[in-house]
C-alpha atoms as a PDB file:
ATOM      1  CA  MET A   1      10.647  33.563  55.074  1.00  0.00           C
ATOM      2  CA  PRO A   2       8.369  36.185  53.915  1.00  0.00           C
ATOM      3  CA  ALA A   3       9.851  39.722  53.510  1.00  0.00           C
ATOM      4  CA  ARG A   4       8.085  42.048  55.953  1.00  0.00           C
ATOM      5  CA  THR A   5       5.877  44.906  54.202  1.00  0.00           C
ATOM      6  CA  ALA A   6       7.539  47.927  55.207  1.00  0.00           C
ATOM      7  CA  GLU A   7       4.293  50.592  56.207  1.00  0.00           C
ATOM      8  CA  PRO A   8       4.345  53.342  54.297  1.00  0.00           C
ATOM      9  CA  ARG A   9       5.201  56.455  56.410  1.00  0.00           C
ATOM     10  CA  ARG A  10       2.843  59.497  56.930  1.00  0.00           C
ATOM     11  CA  PRO A  11       3.759  62.403  55.706  1.00  0.00           C
ATOM     12  CA  GLN A  12       4.978  64.926  58.301  1.00  0.00           C
ATOM     13  CA  SER A  13       3.608  68.301  58.759  1.00  0.00           C
ATOM     14  CA  LEU A  14       5.446  71.317  57.224  1.00  0.00           C
ATOM     15  CA  ILE A  15       5.592  73.218  60.502  1.00  0.00           C
ATOM     16  CA  SER A  16       7.471  70.293  61.871  1.00  0.00           C
ATOM     17  CA  PHE A  17       9.881  70.903  59.585  1.00  0.00           C
ATOM     18  CA  ARG A  18      10.250  74.136  60.708  1.00  0.00           C
ATOM     19  CA  SER A  19      13.505  75.176  62.767  1.00  0.00           C
ATOM     20  CA  PRO A  20      12.314  77.171  66.155  1.00  0.00           C
ATOM     21  CA  ALA A  21      14.088  80.386  65.143  1.00  0.00           C
ATOM     22  CA  GLU A  22      11.361  79.734  61.949  1.00  0.00           C
ATOM     23  CA  GLU A  23       8.422  79.124  63.797  1.00  0.00           C
ATOM     24  CA  ALA A  24       9.427  82.131  66.172  1.00  0.00           C
ATOM     25  CA  GLN A  25       9.653  84.404  62.671  1.00  0.00           C
ATOM     26  CA  HIS A  26       6.419  82.883  61.661  1.00  0.00           C
ATOM     27  CA  LYS A  27       4.198  83.773  64.939  1.00  0.00           C
ATOM     28  CA  GLU A  28       6.011  87.522  64.729  1.00  0.00           C
ATOM     29  CA  ASN A  29       5.146  88.019  61.369  1.00  0.00           C
ATOM     30  CA  SER A  30       1.399  86.988  61.827  1.00  0.00           C
ATOM     31  CA  THR A  31       1.183  89.284  64.711  1.00  0.00           C
ATOM     32  CA  THR A  32       2.811  92.403  62.467  1.00  0.00           C
ATOM     33  CA  VAL A  33      -0.169  91.030  59.756  1.00  0.00           C
ATOM     34  CA  ARG A  34      -2.353  91.438  62.422  1.00  0.00           C
ATOM     35  CA  SER A  35      -1.446  94.509  63.723  1.00  0.00           C
ATOM     36  CA  SER A  36      -0.954  96.362  60.402  1.00  0.00           C
ATOM     37  CA  ALA A  37      -4.584  95.911  59.467  1.00  0.00           C
ATOM     38  CA  ALA A  38      -5.492  96.991  62.793  1.00  0.00           C
ATOM     39  CA  VAL A  39      -3.835 100.363  62.861  1.00  0.00           C
ATOM     40  CA  PRO A  40      -6.318 101.592  59.454  1.00  0.00           C
ATOM     41  CA  SER A  41      -8.817 101.026  62.064  1.00  0.00           C
ATOM     42  CA  ALA A  42      -7.750 102.764  64.884  1.00  0.00           C
ATOM     43  CA  ALA A  43      -7.062 105.460  62.335  1.00  0.00           C
ATOM     44  CA  LEU A  44     -10.686 105.807  60.966  1.00  0.00           C
ATOM     45  CA  TYR A  45     -11.887 105.547  64.668  1.00  0.00           C
ATOM     46  CA  ARG A  46      -9.597 108.794  65.952  1.00  0.00           C
ATOM     47  CA  LEU A  47     -10.279 110.800  62.647  1.00  0.00           C
ATOM     48  CA  ALA A  48     -14.352 110.156  62.742  1.00  0.00           C
ATOM     49  CA  SER A  49     -13.834 110.694  66.464  1.00  0.00           C
ATOM     50  CA  VAL A  50     -12.129 114.100  65.671  1.00  0.00           C
ATOM     51  CA  ALA A  51     -14.709 115.474  62.781  1.00  0.00           C
ATOM     52  CA  GLY A  52     -17.859 114.311  65.257  1.00  0.00           C
ATOM     53  CA  VAL A  53     -16.432 116.455  68.391  1.00  0.00           C
ATOM     54  CA  GLY A  54     -15.756 119.388  65.660  1.00  0.00           C
ATOM     55  CA  SER A  55     -19.051 119.145  64.182  1.00  0.00           C
ATOM     56  CA  ALA A  56     -20.810 118.792  67.934  1.00  0.00           C
ATOM     57  CA  LEU A  57     -18.757 121.880  68.938  1.00  0.00           C
ATOM     58  CA  ILE A  58     -20.124 123.933  65.710  1.00  0.00           C
ATOM     59  CA  LEU A  59     -23.973 122.917  66.994  1.00  0.00           C
ATOM     60  CA  LEU A  60     -23.432 124.404  69.937  1.00  0.00           C
ATOM     61  CA  VAL A  61     -22.356 127.508  68.508  1.00  0.00           C
ATOM     62  CA  ASN A  62     -24.933 127.879  66.022  1.00  0.00           C
ATOM     63  CA  ALA A  63     -27.377 126.924  69.129  1.00  0.00           C
ATOM     64  CA  ALA A  64     -25.797 130.261  71.078  1.00  0.00           C
ATOM     65  CA  LYS A  65     -25.963 132.136  68.025  1.00  0.00           C
ATOM     66  CA  ARG A  66     -29.580 131.433  67.593  1.00  0.00           C
ATOM     67  CA  SER A  67     -30.473 131.893  71.209  1.00  0.00           C
ATOM     68  CA  ALA A  68     -28.331 135.403  70.805  1.00  0.00           C
ATOM     69  CA  LEU A  69     -25.887 133.957  73.812  1.00  0.00           C
ATOM     70  CA  ILE A  70     -23.176 135.037  71.165  1.00  0.00           C
ATOM     71  CA  ALA A  71     -22.988 137.394  68.352  1.00  0.00           C
ATOM     72  CA  THR A  72     -23.872 136.557  64.773  1.00  0.00           C
ATOM     73  CA  THR A  73     -21.358 137.306  62.759  1.00  0.00           C
ATOM     74  CA  ASP A  74     -19.910 136.665  59.193  1.00  0.00           C
ATOM     75  CA  LEU A  75     -17.788 133.771  60.711  1.00  0.00           C
ATOM     76  CA  THR A  76     -20.242 132.594  63.266  1.00  0.00           C
ATOM     77  CA  GLN A  77     -22.206 132.094  59.784  1.00  0.00           C
ATOM     78  CA  LEU A  78     -19.890 130.578  57.248  1.00  0.00           C
ATOM     79  CA  LEU A  79     -19.463 128.024  60.413  1.00  0.00           C
ATOM     80  CA  ALA A  80     -22.815 126.765  60.166  1.00  0.00           C
ATOM     81  CA  PRO A  81     -22.665 124.794  56.874  1.00  0.00           C
ATOM     82  CA  VAL A  82     -19.175 122.884  58.659  1.00  0.00           C
ATOM     83  CA  ALA A  83     -21.238 120.904  60.957  1.00  0.00           C
ATOM     84  CA  GLU A  84     -22.354 118.750  58.400  1.00  0.00           C
ATOM     85  CA  ILE A  85     -19.738 118.689  56.452  1.00  0.00           C
ATOM     86  CA  LEU A  86     -17.988 117.035  60.123  1.00  0.00           C
ATOM     87  CA  ALA A  87     -20.429 114.994  60.864  1.00  0.00           C
ATOM     88  CA  LEU A  88     -20.413 113.034  57.418  1.00  0.00           C
ATOM     89  CA  GLY A  89     -16.847 111.972  58.855  1.00  0.00           C
ATOM     90  CA  LEU A  90     -18.530 110.465  62.031  1.00  0.00           C
ATOM     91  CA  VAL A  91     -20.988 109.122  59.618  1.00  0.00           C
ATOM     92  CA  VAL A  92     -18.595 106.954  58.076  1.00  0.00           C
ATOM     93  CA  GLY A  93     -16.222 106.254  60.406  1.00  0.00           C
ATOM     94  CA  LEU A  94     -20.170 104.447  62.437  1.00  0.00           C
ATOM     95  CA  PHE A  95     -20.902 102.843  59.430  1.00  0.00           C
ATOM     96  CA  ILE A  96     -17.634 101.289  58.561  1.00  0.00           C
ATOM     97  CA  GLY A  97     -17.048 100.307  62.142  1.00  0.00           C
ATOM     98  CA  PHE A  98     -20.513  98.853  63.014  1.00  0.00           C
ATOM     99  CA  GLY A  99     -23.474  99.526  60.457  1.00  0.00           C
ATOM    100  CA  ARG A 100     -22.226  97.034  57.777  1.00  0.00           C
ATOM    101  CA  ARG A 101     -23.039  94.360  59.952  1.00  0.00           C
ATOM    102  CA  ALA A 102     -26.341  95.026  59.251  1.00  0.00           C
ATOM    103  CA  GLY A 103     -26.252  94.145  55.329  1.00  0.00           C
ATOM    104  CA  LEU A 104     -28.164  95.500  52.838  1.00  0.00           C
ATOM    105  CA  PHE A 105     -30.154  97.519  54.966  1.00  0.00           C
ATOM    106  CA  GLY A 106     -26.857  99.134  56.570  1.00  0.00           C
ATOM    107  CA  THR A 107     -25.546  99.968  53.332  1.00  0.00           C
ATOM    108  CA  ILE A 108     -29.081 101.582  52.221  1.00  0.00           C
ATOM    109  CA  ALA A 109     -29.439 103.323  55.738  1.00  0.00           C
ATOM    110  CA  PHE A 110     -25.945 105.034  55.460  1.00  0.00           C
ATOM    111  CA  VAL A 111     -26.668 106.049  51.698  1.00  0.00           C
ATOM    112  CA  ILE A 112     -29.801 107.494  52.533  1.00  0.00           C
ATOM    113  CA  ASN A 113     -28.379 109.847  55.303  1.00  0.00           C
ATOM    114  CA  PHE A 114     -25.159 110.486  53.968  1.00  0.00           C
ATOM    115  CA  VAL A 115     -26.750 112.129  51.007  1.00  0.00           C
ATOM    116  CA  ALA A 116     -29.268 113.579  53.463  1.00  0.00           C
ATOM    117  CA  LEU A 117     -26.464 115.470  55.559  1.00  0.00           C
ATOM    118  CA  ALA A 118     -24.784 116.441  52.075  1.00  0.00           C
ATOM    119  CA  SER A 119     -28.157 118.569  51.304  1.00  0.00           C
ATOM    120  CA  LEU A 120     -28.300 119.630  54.284  1.00  0.00           C
ATOM    121  CA  VAL A 121     -25.087 121.392  53.840  1.00  0.00           C
ATOM    122  CA  GLY A 122     -26.621 123.336  51.139  1.00  0.00           C
ATOM    123  CA  VAL A 123     -29.354 123.841  53.316  1.00  0.00           C
ATOM    124  CA  GLU A 124     -27.327 125.635  55.651  1.00  0.00           C
ATOM    125  CA  VAL A 125     -25.263 127.767  53.072  1.00  0.00           C
ATOM    126  CA  VAL A 126     -28.413 129.053  51.986  1.00  0.00           C
ATOM    127  CA  ILE A 127     -30.187 129.791  55.272  1.00  0.00           C
ATOM    128  CA  ASN A 128     -26.861 131.156  56.843  1.00  0.00           C
ATOM    129  CA  LEU A 129     -24.670 133.285  53.881  1.00  0.00           C
ATOM    130  CA  VAL A 130     -28.024 133.885  51.680  1.00  0.00           C
ATOM    131  CA  PHE A 131     -31.161 134.433  53.169  1.00  0.00           C
ATOM    132  CA  SER A 132     -29.458 136.362  56.066  1.00  0.00           C
ATOM    133  CA  LYS A 133     -28.247 139.202  53.099  1.00  0.00           C
ATOM    134  CA  LEU A 134     -31.518 139.206  51.577  1.00  0.00           C
ATOM    135  CA  PRO A 135     -34.700 141.173  53.104  1.00  0.00           C
ATOM    136  CA  LEU A 136     -38.113 139.091  54.550  1.00  0.00           C
ATOM    137  CA  ILE A 137     -39.841 139.460  51.297  1.00  0.00           C
ATOM    138  CA  THR A 138     -37.685 138.379  48.968  1.00  0.00           C
ATOM    139  CA  ILE A 139     -37.185 135.375  51.262  1.00  0.00           C
ATOM    140  CA  ILE A 140     -40.658 134.860  51.176  1.00  0.00           C
ATOM    141  CA  ASP A 141     -40.988 135.121  47.426  1.00  0.00           C
ATOM    142  CA  LEU A 142     -37.575 131.948  46.959  1.00  0.00           C
ATOM    143  CA  ARG A 143     -39.393 129.830  49.249  1.00  0.00           C
ATOM    144  CA  ALA A 144     -42.717 129.733  47.532  1.00  0.00           C
ATOM    145  CA  GLY A 145     -40.929 128.477  44.249  1.00  0.00           C
ATOM    146  CA  PRO A 146     -38.813 125.590  43.412  1.00  0.00           C
ATOM    147  CA  LEU A 147     -35.919 126.532  46.579  1.00  0.00           C
ATOM    148  CA  GLY A 148     -38.503 126.039  49.153  1.00  0.00           C
ATOM    149  CA  LEU A 149     -39.717 122.395  47.412  1.00  0.00           C
ATOM    150  CA  ALA A 150     -35.986 121.405  47.697  1.00  0.00           C
ATOM    151  CA  LEU A 151     -35.444 123.077  51.236  1.00  0.00           C
ATOM    152  CA  VAL A 152     -38.959 120.731  52.779  1.00  0.00           C
ATOM    153  CA  VAL A 153     -37.169 117.531  50.857  1.00  0.00           C
ATOM    154  CA  SER A 154     -33.947 118.264  51.869  1.00  0.00           C
ATOM    155  CA  SER A 155     -35.267 118.615  55.611  1.00  0.00           C
ATOM    156  CA  VAL A 156     -37.320 115.186  54.788  1.00  0.00           C
ATOM    157  CA  LEU A 157     -34.409 113.118  53.444  1.00  0.00           C
ATOM    158  CA  PHE A 158     -32.431 114.095  56.231  1.00  0.00           C
ATOM    159  CA  LEU A 159     -35.029 112.649  59.330  1.00  0.00           C
ATOM    160  CA  LEU A 160     -35.696 109.858  57.160  1.00  0.00           C
ATOM    161  CA  GLY A 161     -32.097 108.932  56.622  1.00  0.00           C
ATOM    162  CA  THR A 162     -31.108 109.690  60.227  1.00  0.00           C
ATOM    163  CA  LEU A 163     -33.717 107.045  61.197  1.00  0.00           C
ATOM    164  CA  ALA A 164     -32.874 104.629  58.929  1.00  0.00           C
ATOM    165  CA  PHE A 165     -29.252 105.159  60.047  1.00  0.00           C
ATOM    166  CA  VAL A 166     -30.013 104.970  63.524  1.00  0.00           C
ATOM    167  CA  ILE A 167     -32.073 101.528  63.007  1.00  0.00           C
ATOM    168  CA  SER A 168     -28.697 100.229  60.898  1.00  0.00           C
ATOM    169  CA  LEU A 169     -27.084 100.815  63.975  1.00  0.00           C
ATOM    170  CA  VAL A 170     -28.998  99.257  66.443  1.00  0.00           C
ATOM    171  CA  VAL A 171     -29.766  96.162  64.688  1.00  0.00           C
ATOM    172  CA  ALA A 172     -25.786  95.970  63.732  1.00  0.00           C
ATOM    173  CA  ARG A 173     -25.371  95.861  67.644  1.00  0.00           C
ATOM    174  CA  GLY A 174     -22.323  97.293  69.421  1.00  0.00           C
ATOM    175  CA  VAL A 175     -22.837 101.298  69.621  1.00  0.00           C
ATOM    176  CA  PRO A 176     -24.479 102.501  72.866  1.00  0.00           C
ATOM    177  CA  ARG A 177     -28.451 103.192  72.162  1.00  0.00           C
ATOM    178  CA  ILE A 178     -28.723 105.956  74.443  1.00  0.00           C
ATOM    179  CA  PRO A 179     -26.674 108.527  72.390  1.00  0.00           C
ATOM    180  CA  LEU A 180     -28.105 107.282  69.226  1.00  0.00           C
ATOM    181  CA  ALA A 181     -31.443 107.775  70.672  1.00  0.00           C
ATOM    182  CA  LEU A 182     -30.228 111.198  71.462  1.00  0.00           C
ATOM    183  CA  TYR A 183     -29.095 111.584  67.847  1.00  0.00           C
ATOM    184  CA  PHE A 184     -32.315 111.004  66.303  1.00  0.00           C
ATOM    185  CA  ILE A 185     -34.491 112.871  68.673  1.00  0.00           C
ATOM    186  CA  GLY A 186     -32.143 115.799  68.256  1.00  0.00           C
ATOM    187  CA  ALA A 187     -32.316 115.749  64.484  1.00  0.00           C
ATOM    188  CA  VAL A 188     -36.610 115.886  64.312  1.00  0.00           C
ATOM    189  CA  PRO A 189     -36.551 119.774  65.467  1.00  0.00           C
ATOM    190  CA  ILE A 190     -33.946 120.748  62.793  1.00  0.00           C
ATOM    191  CA  ALA A 191     -35.630 118.690  59.939  1.00  0.00           C
ATOM    192  CA  LEU A 192     -38.529 120.085  61.259  1.00  0.00           C
ATOM    193  CA  ARG A 193     -37.338 123.512  61.742  1.00  0.00           C
ATOM    194  CA  ALA A 194     -40.334 125.320  59.639  1.00  0.00           C
ATOM    195  CA  PHE A 195     -43.053 123.995  61.921  1.00  0.00           C
ATOM    196  CA  VAL A 196     -40.966 124.247  64.987  1.00  0.00           C
ATOM    197  CA  PRO A 197     -40.864 127.646  67.569  1.00  0.00           C
ATOM    198  CA  GLU A 198     -37.164 128.604  68.209  1.00  0.00           C
ATOM    199  CA  TRP A 199     -36.696 127.061  71.403  1.00  0.00           C
ATOM    200  CA  ALA A 200     -37.599 123.685  70.279  1.00  0.00           C
ATOM    201  CA  LEU A 201     -35.002 123.980  66.902  1.00  0.00           C
ATOM    202  CA  ASP A 202     -32.032 125.434  69.773  1.00  0.00           C
ATOM    203  CA  LEU A 203     -32.608 122.449  72.204  1.00  0.00           C
ATOM    204  CA  GLY A 204     -32.457 119.899  69.134  1.00  0.00           C
ATOM    205  CA  LEU A 205     -29.327 121.450  68.466  1.00  0.00           C
ATOM    206  CA  VAL A 206     -27.943 121.177  72.088  1.00  0.00           C
ATOM    207  CA  THR A 207     -29.377 117.783  72.216  1.00  0.00           C
ATOM    208  CA  LEU A 208     -27.561 116.570  68.797  1.00  0.00           C
ATOM    209  CA  ALA A 209     -24.079 118.233  69.687  1.00  0.00           C
ATOM    210  CA  ALA A 210     -24.403 116.072  72.948  1.00  0.00           C
ATOM    211  CA  ALA A 211     -25.276 113.155  71.026  1.00  0.00           C
ATOM    212  CA  ILE A 212     -22.821 113.299  68.959  1.00  0.00           C
ATOM    213  CA  ALA A 213     -19.986 114.367  71.122  1.00  0.00           C
ATOM    214  CA  TRP A 214     -21.066 110.878  72.870  1.00  0.00           C
ATOM    215  CA  LEU A 215     -20.307 108.902  69.992  1.00  0.00           C
ATOM    216  CA  ALA A 216     -17.242 110.498  69.169  1.00  0.00           C
ATOM    217  CA  GLY A 217     -16.039 110.369  72.665  1.00  0.00           C
ATOM    218  CA  TRP A 218     -16.848 106.748  72.552  1.00  0.00           C
ATOM    219  CA  LEU A 219     -15.616 105.678  69.097  1.00  0.00           C
ATOM    220  CA  TRP A 220     -12.127 107.542  70.405  1.00  0.00           C
ATOM    221  CA  MET A 221     -12.071 105.021  72.941  1.00  0.00           C
ATOM    222  CA  ARG A 222     -12.898 101.982  70.822  1.00  0.00           C
ATOM    223  CA  ALA A 223      -9.636 103.290  68.871  1.00  0.00           C
ATOM    224  CA  GLU A 224      -7.407 102.515  71.661  1.00  0.00           C
ATOM    225  CA  PRO A 225      -7.653  98.682  71.843  1.00  0.00           C
ATOM    226  CA  THR A 226      -8.096  98.106  68.355  1.00  0.00           C
ATOM    227  CA  SER A 227      -4.410  99.781  67.885  1.00  0.00           C
ATOM    228  CA  ARG A 228      -2.718  97.577  70.399  1.00  0.00           C
END
């Protein structure tokens, strides 16, 4: 009788060679990797949130100072530029968490907005720490020169950068639109401070502070499920 040819056995999956204990260890390691990857995101969200809250509080102080609700002191003058510095932290958190979804446009919008906010720090330093100590005639002379042009460019860049960044976050989706709209609305009178009345600038500061606080609180809540 002809010998029967044995059918070749199919190679078994490597997973089938694992013992139950090894399988459990593998699942535990996978969970640990996912958890450790989520920790930086949660920490980033929380840091960005804290920075946003700090920025909102200082903007309210600026508005109260300009409205004469609180006295203008060296401390309030020194705090004014810190609002933009802290806002940079919130912007970075929003971009890393959501803005990158908008692709190249999101990246370009973030860079423009970041540069605009950084330049606005210089504007606040000049206005609060330099102009406040100079007579009006000297301020007029300085504004008539290259410093005035630099202030205008910074303001226009801030307006365009804010608009582009807000649009990129809307395109990327995930970020609530109402605080984004308030963010841009509040930024308009701040960028156009040389052409708007004082009450409009104060209202813009309060609106921007509310928008930043809203986004910061929302980002903090987003960190909760991320850390699990």
